[in-house]
Amino acid sequence: MSEQWLTSLITDDAQQGYELAIKLSRMGVKYTQPSDEVRGKLRPVYGEDANSLIASSQVIAINFQTVSAANNYWRK
């Protein structure tokens, strides 16, 4: 079992929500490929590939939708 890092999807504002969405996306990659060495070797490959970067943006957007909904879209 890994360390608990996600205690809530609730954030103070949309900026923090977006940052959480990025963290969720990064942690998803880390859980999928736990080897730092392998991720380091792959980074230059996908970092220069437009399709991979677009796919990463899509994952972040999906996670941001989830965080936004959890925060009732920051309506007061």
N, C-alpha and C. Protein backbone atom coordinates (compact mmCIF):
# COMPACT_ATOMS: atom_id res chain seq x y z
N MET A 1 0.85 -1.19 0.00
CA MET A 1 0.00 0.00 0.00
C MET A 1 0.89 1.24 0.00
N SER A 2 0.51 2.21 -0.80
CA SER A 2 1.29 3.43 -0.89
C SER A 2 0.80 4.46 0.12
N GLU A 3 1.60 5.50 0.28
CA GLU A 3 1.23 6.55 1.23
C GLU A 3 -0.04 7.27 0.78
N GLN A 4 -0.84 7.70 1.73
CA GLN A 4 -2.06 8.44 1.41
C GLN A 4 -1.69 9.90 1.15
N TRP A 5 -1.98 10.36 -0.03
CA TRP A 5 -1.69 11.76 -0.38
C TRP A 5 -2.96 12.51 -0.75
N LEU A 6 -4.00 11.79 -1.10
CA LEU A 6 -5.25 12.43 -1.51
C LEU A 6 -6.27 12.29 -0.38
N THR A 7 -6.50 13.37 0.30
CA THR A 7 -7.43 13.33 1.43
C THR A 7 -8.78 13.96 1.09
N SER A 8 -8.81 14.76 0.02
CA SER A 8 -10.05 15.42 -0.36
C SER A 8 -9.93 15.98 -1.78
N LEU A 9 -11.05 16.09 -2.45
CA LEU A 9 -11.09 16.77 -3.74
C LEU A 9 -11.52 18.23 -3.58
N ILE A 10 -11.83 18.63 -2.37
CA ILE A 10 -12.30 19.98 -2.10
C ILE A 10 -11.12 20.95 -2.09
N THR A 11 -11.26 22.03 -2.84
CA THR A 11 -10.22 23.07 -2.91
C THR A 11 -10.87 24.43 -2.68
N ASP A 12 -10.04 25.42 -2.38
CA ASP A 12 -10.56 26.76 -2.11
C ASP A 12 -11.06 27.48 -3.35
N ASP A 13 -10.44 27.19 -4.49
CA ASP A 13 -10.81 27.91 -5.72
C ASP A 13 -10.42 27.08 -6.95
N ALA A 14 -10.77 27.60 -8.09
CA ALA A 14 -10.53 26.88 -9.34
C ALA A 14 -9.05 26.67 -9.62
N GLN A 15 -8.21 27.64 -9.28
CA GLN A 15 -6.76 27.50 -9.50
C GLN A 15 -6.23 26.30 -8.72
N GLN A 16 -6.59 26.20 -7.45
CA GLN A 16 -6.16 25.05 -6.66
C GLN A 16 -6.76 23.76 -7.22
N GLY A 17 -7.98 23.85 -7.72
CA GLY A 17 -8.62 22.69 -8.33
C GLY A 17 -7.86 22.20 -9.55
N TYR A 18 -7.41 23.14 -10.37
CA TYR A 18 -6.66 22.77 -11.56
C TYR A 18 -5.32 22.15 -11.19
N GLU A 19 -4.67 22.72 -10.17
CA GLU A 19 -3.41 22.15 -9.70
C GLU A 19 -3.62 20.75 -9.15
N LEU A 20 -4.74 20.52 -8.47
CA LEU A 20 -5.05 19.18 -7.99
C LEU A 20 -5.29 18.23 -9.18
N ALA A 21 -5.95 18.71 -10.21
CA ALA A 21 -6.18 17.88 -11.40
C ALA A 21 -4.85 17.46 -12.03
N ILE A 22 -3.89 18.36 -12.07
CA ILE A 22 -2.56 18.02 -12.59
C ILE A 22 -1.91 16.97 -11.70
N LYS A 23 -2.01 17.15 -10.39
CA LYS A 23 -1.43 16.19 -9.44
C LYS A 23 -2.08 14.82 -9.62
N LEU A 24 -3.40 14.79 -9.77
CA LEU A 24 -4.10 13.51 -10.00
C LEU A 24 -3.56 12.83 -11.26
N SER A 25 -3.36 13.60 -12.30
CA SER A 25 -2.88 13.06 -13.56
C SER A 25 -1.46 12.51 -13.41
N ARG A 26 -0.62 13.25 -12.75
CA ARG A 26 0.77 12.81 -12.54
C ARG A 26 0.82 11.56 -11.67
N MET A 27 0.00 11.52 -10.65
CA MET A 27 -0.01 10.35 -9.78
C MET A 27 -0.55 9.12 -10.51
N GLY A 28 -1.47 9.33 -11.44
CA GLY A 28 -1.96 8.22 -12.25
C GLY A 28 -0.85 7.59 -13.05
N VAL A 29 0.01 8.41 -13.62
CA VAL A 29 1.17 7.90 -14.36
C VAL A 29 2.11 7.16 -13.41
N LYS A 30 2.34 7.74 -12.25
CA LYS A 30 3.25 7.12 -11.27
C LYS A 30 2.73 5.76 -10.81
N TYR A 31 1.43 5.64 -10.59
CA TYR A 31 0.86 4.36 -10.19
C TYR A 31 0.93 3.35 -11.33
N THR A 32 0.73 3.83 -12.56
CA THR A 32 0.75 2.94 -13.72
C THR A 32 2.18 2.46 -14.00
N GLN A 33 3.16 3.35 -13.89
CA GLN A 33 4.56 3.01 -14.11
C GLN A 33 5.35 3.47 -12.88
N PRO A 34 5.48 2.59 -11.87
CA PRO A 34 6.11 3.00 -10.62
C PRO A 34 7.62 3.22 -10.70
N SER A 35 8.27 2.80 -11.76
CA SER A 35 9.73 2.95 -11.87
C SER A 35 10.10 4.37 -12.29
N ASP A 36 10.81 5.08 -11.39
CA ASP A 36 11.32 6.42 -11.72
C ASP A 36 12.24 6.35 -12.94
N GLU A 37 13.03 5.30 -13.01
CA GLU A 37 13.99 5.15 -14.11
C GLU A 37 13.27 5.02 -15.45
N VAL A 38 12.24 4.19 -15.50
CA VAL A 38 11.51 4.00 -16.75
C VAL A 38 10.80 5.29 -17.14
N ARG A 39 10.14 5.95 -16.18
CA ARG A 39 9.47 7.21 -16.49
C ARG A 39 10.46 8.24 -17.01
N GLY A 40 11.65 8.28 -16.43
CA GLY A 40 12.68 9.20 -16.88
C GLY A 40 13.13 8.92 -18.31
N LYS A 41 13.21 7.66 -18.67
CA LYS A 41 13.59 7.29 -20.03
C LYS A 41 12.50 7.64 -21.03
N LEU A 42 11.26 7.51 -20.62
CA LEU A 42 10.13 7.77 -21.53
C LEU A 42 9.83 9.25 -21.71
N ARG A 43 10.16 10.05 -20.71
CA ARG A 43 9.80 11.48 -20.74
C ARG A 43 10.27 12.21 -22.00
N PRO A 44 11.53 12.01 -22.45
CA PRO A 44 11.96 12.70 -23.67
C PRO A 44 11.15 12.28 -24.91
N VAL A 45 10.67 11.04 -24.91
CA VAL A 45 9.91 10.54 -26.05
C VAL A 45 8.55 11.24 -26.13
N TYR A 46 7.79 11.18 -25.03
CA TYR A 46 6.45 11.78 -25.09
C TYR A 46 6.50 13.30 -24.98
N GLY A 47 7.55 13.83 -24.42
CA GLY A 47 7.69 15.28 -24.29
C GLY A 47 7.87 16.00 -25.62
N GLU A 48 8.21 15.25 -26.66
CA GLU A 48 8.41 15.82 -28.00
C GLU A 48 7.32 15.38 -28.97
N ASP A 49 6.32 14.67 -28.45
CA ASP A 49 5.26 14.12 -29.30
C ASP A 49 3.95 14.88 -29.06
N ALA A 50 3.50 15.60 -30.08
CA ALA A 50 2.29 16.42 -29.94
C ALA A 50 1.08 15.60 -29.51
N ASN A 51 0.92 14.40 -30.06
CA ASN A 51 -0.23 13.57 -29.69
C ASN A 51 -0.19 13.16 -28.22
N SER A 52 1.00 12.85 -27.72
CA SER A 52 1.13 12.49 -26.32
C SER A 52 0.83 13.68 -25.42
N LEU A 53 1.27 14.86 -25.82
CA LEU A 53 1.01 16.06 -25.03
C LEU A 53 -0.47 16.41 -25.03
N ILE A 54 -1.13 16.23 -26.17
CA ILE A 54 -2.57 16.47 -26.24
C ILE A 54 -3.30 15.46 -25.36
N ALA A 55 -2.88 14.20 -25.38
CA ALA A 55 -3.51 13.18 -24.54
C ALA A 55 -3.34 13.53 -23.06
N SER A 56 -2.16 14.03 -22.69
CA SER A 56 -1.94 14.45 -21.30
C SER A 56 -2.88 15.57 -20.91
N SER A 57 -3.06 16.52 -21.82
CA SER A 57 -3.99 17.63 -21.56
C SER A 57 -5.42 17.13 -21.39
N GLN A 58 -5.79 16.13 -22.16
CA GLN A 58 -7.13 15.56 -22.04
C GLN A 58 -7.34 14.91 -20.68
N VAL A 59 -6.34 14.19 -20.20
CA VAL A 59 -6.44 13.55 -18.89
C VAL A 59 -6.58 14.61 -17.80
N ILE A 60 -5.79 15.67 -17.90
CA ILE A 60 -5.90 16.76 -16.92
C ILE A 60 -7.29 17.37 -16.97
N ALA A 61 -7.83 17.59 -18.17
CA ALA A 61 -9.16 18.18 -18.31
C ALA A 61 -10.23 17.29 -17.68
N ILE A 62 -10.13 15.99 -17.87
CA ILE A 62 -11.09 15.07 -17.26
C ILE A 62 -10.98 15.13 -15.74
N ASN A 63 -9.76 15.14 -15.23
CA ASN A 63 -9.59 15.25 -13.77
C ASN A 63 -10.10 16.58 -13.25
N PHE A 64 -9.92 17.66 -14.03
CA PHE A 64 -10.43 18.96 -13.61
C PHE A 64 -11.96 18.95 -13.57
N GLN A 65 -12.60 18.27 -14.50
CA GLN A 65 -14.06 18.14 -14.47
C GLN A 65 -14.51 17.46 -13.17
N THR A 66 -13.78 16.42 -12.78
CA THR A 66 -14.11 15.69 -11.55
C THR A 66 -13.96 16.59 -10.33
N VAL A 67 -12.83 17.29 -10.24
CA VAL A 67 -12.59 18.18 -9.10
C VAL A 67 -13.61 19.32 -9.10
N SER A 68 -13.92 19.87 -10.25
CA SER A 68 -14.91 20.95 -10.34
C SER A 68 -16.27 20.50 -9.83
N ALA A 69 -16.69 19.33 -10.25
CA ALA A 69 -17.98 18.81 -9.80
C ALA A 69 -17.98 18.57 -8.29
N ALA A 70 -16.88 18.06 -7.77
CA ALA A 70 -16.78 17.82 -6.32
C ALA A 70 -16.88 19.11 -5.54
N ASN A 71 -16.46 20.21 -6.14
CA ASN A 71 -16.49 21.52 -5.50
C ASN A 71 -17.71 22.34 -5.89
N ASN A 72 -18.71 21.69 -6.47
CA ASN A 72 -19.92 22.38 -6.93
C ASN A 72 -19.56 23.59 -7.78
N TYR A 73 -18.49 23.42 -8.57
CA TYR A 73 -18.03 24.46 -9.50
C TYR A 73 -17.75 25.78 -8.77
N TRP A 74 -17.36 25.68 -7.52
CA TRP A 74 -16.98 26.82 -6.68
C TRP A 74 -18.09 27.87 -6.55
N ARG A 75 -19.31 27.37 -6.60
CA ARG A 75 -20.47 28.27 -6.36
C ARG A 75 -20.58 28.49 -4.87
N LYS A 76 -20.88 29.66 -4.50
CA LYS A 76 -21.04 29.99 -3.07
C LYS A 76 -22.50 30.11 -2.73
